[in-house]
Amino acid sequence: MAKTRSYNLLCPIARALDAVGDRWSLLILRDLHAGPARFADLQSGLTGIASNLLSDRLVHLAAEGFLEKGPGPHGTTLYQLTDVGWSTRQLLFELARLGGQLMPVAKPKKPGNLRTIAVTLAAALERAGAGDTPLTATLEVEGEAFAIETGNGTVSVTAGAALGNDLRLVSSYDALLQVSVGAISLHAFSERFASLSGGTENSQSALMQALAGAMAQIQ
């Protein structure tokens, strides 16, 4: 593992940057908020990262206590957040809000998978109070499914379809980005760029109300 440089300052912000301030580190944590992932899953979502650099960052973040390795199916290895890693949800959300105010890059690269959306949506739903209402639904974005689960004061958005519920919202990545920054209204999004199926009328309404609250937090 390459030796990382330290600010060596008596400041908690500097200490945090020593731990997660290297290039790609926060984006690795971002994608792990969607749940445990294989090395290949992380590399696919982090378009442009070299294998050796990803390995270095994973070793460093594990040494700092943000993630750990665990066994996966068929003898694979999964990387997953520790409690310290999960505590970065609100930090990443604030970075997402800040990034939304900045000028976008001219030719952005689309990620190889969409784990990127999980942490921002989960934090926005949490801030909107969605954790107070029991709800289970699947958000499908360009063929990738994410389970939205709220209730008992908690909110989670994780890779994979929700179990035991057929409530499903299907849309595109571009449309989700557009509604998140206010370029289109939630009404236009639901009418023209999304398909809602399954569940009951009440659960469909609860899902859209939760998303409305989340979008208000992001914007």
Protein backbone atom coordinates (compact mmCIF):
# COMPACT_ATOMS: atom_id res chain seq x y z
CA MET A 1 0.00 0.00 0.00
CA ALA A 2 1.31 3.44 -0.92
CA LYS A 3 2.07 5.62 2.08
CA THR A 4 -0.46 8.42 2.48
CA ARG A 5 0.55 11.93 3.44
CA SER A 6 -0.77 13.50 6.63
CA TYR A 7 -1.65 17.10 7.40
CA ASN A 8 -0.22 16.44 10.87
CA LEU A 9 -2.42 19.17 12.32
CA LEU A 10 -4.22 19.36 15.66
CA CYS A 11 -7.62 19.71 13.99
CA PRO A 12 -10.45 17.16 13.70
CA ILE A 13 -11.19 18.22 10.11
CA ALA A 14 -7.56 17.62 9.15
CA ARG A 15 -7.66 14.25 10.91
CA ALA A 16 -10.79 13.28 9.00
CA LEU A 17 -9.14 14.30 5.73
CA ASP A 18 -6.12 12.20 6.64
CA ALA A 19 -8.52 9.25 6.82
CA VAL A 20 -10.87 9.86 3.87
CA GLY A 21 -9.47 12.82 1.93
CA ASP A 22 -7.49 10.89 -0.67
CA ARG A 23 -8.88 10.81 -4.21
CA TRP A 24 -11.57 8.12 -4.61
CA SER A 25 -11.86 7.37 -0.87
CA LEU A 26 -15.17 9.16 -0.32
CA LEU A 27 -16.56 7.73 -3.56
CA ILE A 28 -15.73 4.21 -2.36
CA LEU A 29 -17.61 4.91 0.87
CA ARG A 30 -20.46 6.42 -1.17
CA ASP A 31 -20.90 3.21 -3.15
CA LEU A 32 -20.65 0.97 -0.07
CA HIS A 33 -23.65 2.78 1.41
CA ALA A 34 -25.64 0.70 -1.10
CA GLY A 35 -24.57 -2.41 0.82
CA PRO A 36 -21.72 -4.94 0.68
CA ALA A 37 -19.92 -5.13 -2.66
CA ARG A 38 -17.32 -7.19 -4.45
CA PHE A 39 -14.11 -5.58 -5.68
CA ALA A 40 -15.47 -5.82 -9.25
CA ASP A 41 -18.71 -4.06 -8.24
CA LEU A 42 -16.77 -1.16 -6.77
CA GLN A 43 -14.43 -0.87 -9.74
CA SER A 44 -17.38 -0.89 -12.15
CA GLY A 45 -19.07 1.98 -10.33
CA LEU A 46 -15.87 4.02 -10.00
CA THR A 47 -15.27 4.67 -13.68
CA GLY A 48 -11.58 5.32 -14.32
CA ILE A 49 -10.02 3.95 -11.13
CA ALA A 50 -7.07 1.58 -11.57
CA SER A 51 -7.16 -1.80 -9.83
CA ASN A 52 -4.01 -1.13 -7.79
CA LEU A 53 -5.30 2.25 -6.64
CA LEU A 54 -8.65 0.78 -5.60
CA SER A 55 -6.79 -1.92 -3.67
CA ASP A 56 -4.69 0.71 -1.88
CA ARG A 57 -7.73 2.77 -0.97
CA LEU A 58 -9.59 -0.26 0.37
CA VAL A 59 -6.63 -1.27 2.54
CA HIS A 60 -6.30 2.29 3.86
CA LEU A 61 -10.02 2.67 4.62
CA ALA A 62 -10.02 -0.69 6.40
CA ALA A 63 -7.00 0.34 8.47
CA GLU A 64 -8.80 3.56 9.43
CA GLY A 65 -11.86 1.56 10.54
CA PHE A 66 -14.33 2.62 7.84
CA LEU A 67 -14.80 -0.76 6.16
CA GLU A 68 -14.08 -4.43 6.58
CA LYS A 69 -13.96 -7.56 4.47
CA GLY A 70 -16.39 -10.41 4.84
CA PRO A 71 -17.28 -13.66 3.07
CA GLY A 72 -19.59 -13.51 0.08
CA PRO A 73 -21.43 -16.13 -1.98
CA HIS A 74 -19.46 -18.76 -3.91
CA GLY A 75 -16.23 -17.99 -2.07
CA THR A 76 -16.14 -14.31 -3.02
CA THR A 77 -14.99 -11.48 -0.76
CA LEU A 78 -17.31 -8.61 0.07
CA TYR A 79 -16.36 -5.16 1.32
CA GLN A 80 -18.80 -3.58 3.76
CA LEU A 81 -19.05 -0.52 5.95
CA THR A 82 -18.39 -0.58 9.67
CA ASP A 83 -20.37 1.59 12.07
CA VAL A 84 -17.80 4.34 11.46
CA GLY A 85 -18.31 3.94 7.73
CA TRP A 86 -22.08 4.17 8.05
CA SER A 87 -21.65 7.39 10.03
CA THR A 88 -20.48 9.14 6.84
CA ARG A 89 -24.03 9.20 5.40
CA GLN A 90 -24.75 12.82 6.31
CA LEU A 91 -21.26 13.98 5.30
CA LEU A 92 -21.72 12.46 1.84
CA PHE A 93 -25.20 13.96 1.56
CA GLU A 94 -23.88 17.44 2.27
CA LEU A 95 -21.16 16.93 -0.34
CA ALA A 96 -23.86 15.89 -2.82
CA ARG A 97 -25.85 19.05 -2.07
CA LEU A 98 -22.73 21.17 -2.48
CA GLY A 99 -21.88 19.44 -5.75
CA GLY A 100 -25.36 20.19 -7.04
CA GLN A 101 -24.62 23.91 -6.70
CA LEU A 102 -21.40 23.75 -8.70
CA MET A 103 -20.93 23.89 -12.46
CA PRO A 104 -21.10 20.37 -13.91
CA VAL A 105 -18.18 18.98 -15.87
CA ALA A 106 -18.41 19.26 -19.65
CA LYS A 107 -18.34 15.54 -20.49
CA PRO A 108 -19.16 13.52 -17.37
CA LYS A 109 -18.59 9.77 -17.39
CA LYS A 110 -21.56 7.61 -16.48
CA PRO A 111 -20.82 5.08 -13.73
CA GLY A 112 -20.77 1.40 -14.63
CA ASN A 113 -23.39 0.78 -11.97
CA LEU A 114 -25.73 3.05 -10.04
CA ARG A 115 -24.79 2.33 -6.42
CA THR A 116 -23.96 6.05 -6.32
CA ILE A 117 -27.63 7.00 -5.81
CA ALA A 118 -28.20 5.05 -2.58
CA VAL A 119 -26.57 7.26 0.04
CA THR A 120 -27.98 10.57 -1.19
CA LEU A 121 -31.51 9.18 -1.45
CA ALA A 122 -31.31 7.47 1.94
CA ALA A 123 -30.05 10.60 3.69
CA ALA A 124 -32.66 12.78 1.98
CA LEU A 125 -35.47 10.40 2.97
CA GLU A 126 -34.14 10.35 6.53
CA ARG A 127 -34.07 14.15 6.75
CA ALA A 128 -37.58 14.32 5.32
CA GLY A 129 -38.86 12.15 8.18
CA ALA A 130 -39.59 9.09 6.05
CA GLY A 131 -38.31 6.85 8.83
CA ASP A 132 -41.52 7.52 10.75
CA THR A 133 -43.67 5.74 8.12
CA PRO A 134 -43.38 1.98 7.42
CA LEU A 135 -42.75 1.49 3.71
CA THR A 136 -41.06 -1.11 1.53
CA ALA A 137 -40.57 -0.53 -2.19
CA THR A 138 -38.23 -1.21 -5.08
CA LEU A 139 -36.72 1.61 -7.10
CA GLU A 140 -35.57 0.33 -10.49
CA VAL A 141 -33.19 2.60 -12.40
CA GLU A 142 -32.17 1.41 -15.85
CA GLY A 143 -32.48 -2.22 -14.84
CA GLU A 144 -30.75 -1.87 -11.46
CA ALA A 145 -32.96 -2.44 -8.44
CA PHE A 146 -32.68 -0.73 -5.05
CA ALA A 147 -34.70 -1.63 -1.97
CA ILE A 148 -36.19 1.33 -0.10
CA GLU A 149 -37.17 0.42 3.46
CA THR A 150 -38.40 2.87 6.07
CA GLY A 151 -39.96 2.60 9.50
CA ASN A 152 -39.12 2.52 13.21
CA GLY A 153 -37.13 5.71 12.75
CA THR A 154 -34.75 4.23 10.18
CA VAL A 155 -34.23 4.52 6.43
CA SER A 156 -32.22 2.26 4.15
CA VAL A 157 -31.63 2.22 0.40
CA THR A 158 -29.64 -0.82 -0.67
CA ALA A 159 -28.75 -2.57 -3.91
CA GLY A 160 -31.19 -5.32 -4.85
CA ALA A 161 -34.97 -5.59 -5.05
CA ALA A 162 -37.10 -5.29 -1.92
CA LEU A 163 -38.34 -8.62 -0.57
CA GLY A 164 -41.96 -9.33 0.21
CA ASN A 165 -43.44 -6.32 -1.57
CA ASP A 166 -44.30 -5.68 -5.21
CA LEU A 167 -44.44 -1.87 -4.99
CA ARG A 168 -42.05 -0.70 -7.71
CA LEU A 169 -41.03 2.63 -9.24
CA VAL A 170 -39.14 2.42 -12.55
CA SER A 171 -37.26 5.33 -14.11
CA SER A 172 -34.00 6.36 -15.78
CA TYR A 173 -30.82 7.69 -14.21
CA ASP A 174 -31.04 10.95 -16.16
CA ALA A 175 -34.64 11.54 -15.07
CA LEU A 176 -33.73 10.87 -11.45
CA LEU A 177 -30.90 13.40 -11.68
CA GLN A 178 -33.18 15.96 -13.31
CA VAL A 179 -35.85 15.74 -10.62
CA SER A 180 -33.24 15.76 -7.85
CA VAL A 181 -31.87 19.14 -8.98
CA GLY A 182 -35.29 20.62 -9.69
CA ALA A 183 -34.94 20.65 -13.49
CA ILE A 184 -38.28 18.83 -13.69
CA SER A 185 -41.06 18.70 -11.12
CA LEU A 186 -41.92 15.54 -9.22
CA HIS A 187 -45.32 15.61 -10.96
CA ALA A 188 -43.68 15.70 -14.39
CA PHE A 189 -41.26 12.99 -13.28
CA SER A 190 -44.04 10.67 -12.15
CA GLU A 191 -46.26 11.37 -15.18
CA ARG A 192 -43.67 11.31 -17.98
CA PHE A 193 -40.44 9.73 -16.79
CA ALA A 194 -41.46 7.03 -14.31
CA SER A 195 -43.73 4.02 -13.98
CA LEU A 196 -45.33 3.10 -10.65
CA SER A 197 -46.84 -0.33 -10.11
CA GLY A 198 -47.81 -2.82 -7.42
CA GLY A 199 -48.65 -2.19 -3.81
CA THR A 200 -51.83 -0.43 -2.78
CA GLU A 201 -53.11 3.03 -3.54
CA ASN A 202 -52.05 4.09 -0.05
CA SER A 203 -48.53 2.65 -0.37
CA GLN A 204 -48.08 4.23 -3.80
CA SER A 205 -49.13 7.58 -2.35
CA ALA A 206 -46.79 7.12 0.63
CA LEU A 207 -43.86 6.37 -1.69
CA MET A 208 -44.44 9.47 -3.80
CA GLN A 209 -44.88 11.63 -0.68
CA ALA A 210 -41.61 10.27 0.69
CA LEU A 211 -39.84 11.04 -2.59
CA ALA A 212 -41.32 14.55 -2.64
CA GLY A 213 -39.90 15.16 0.82
CA ALA A 214 -36.54 13.73 -0.20
CA MET A 215 -36.30 15.92 -3.31
CA ALA A 216 -37.05 18.99 -1.20
CA GLN A 217 -34.13 18.09 1.06
CA ILE A 218 -31.74 17.63 -1.87
CA GLN A 219 -32.68 20.90 -3.54
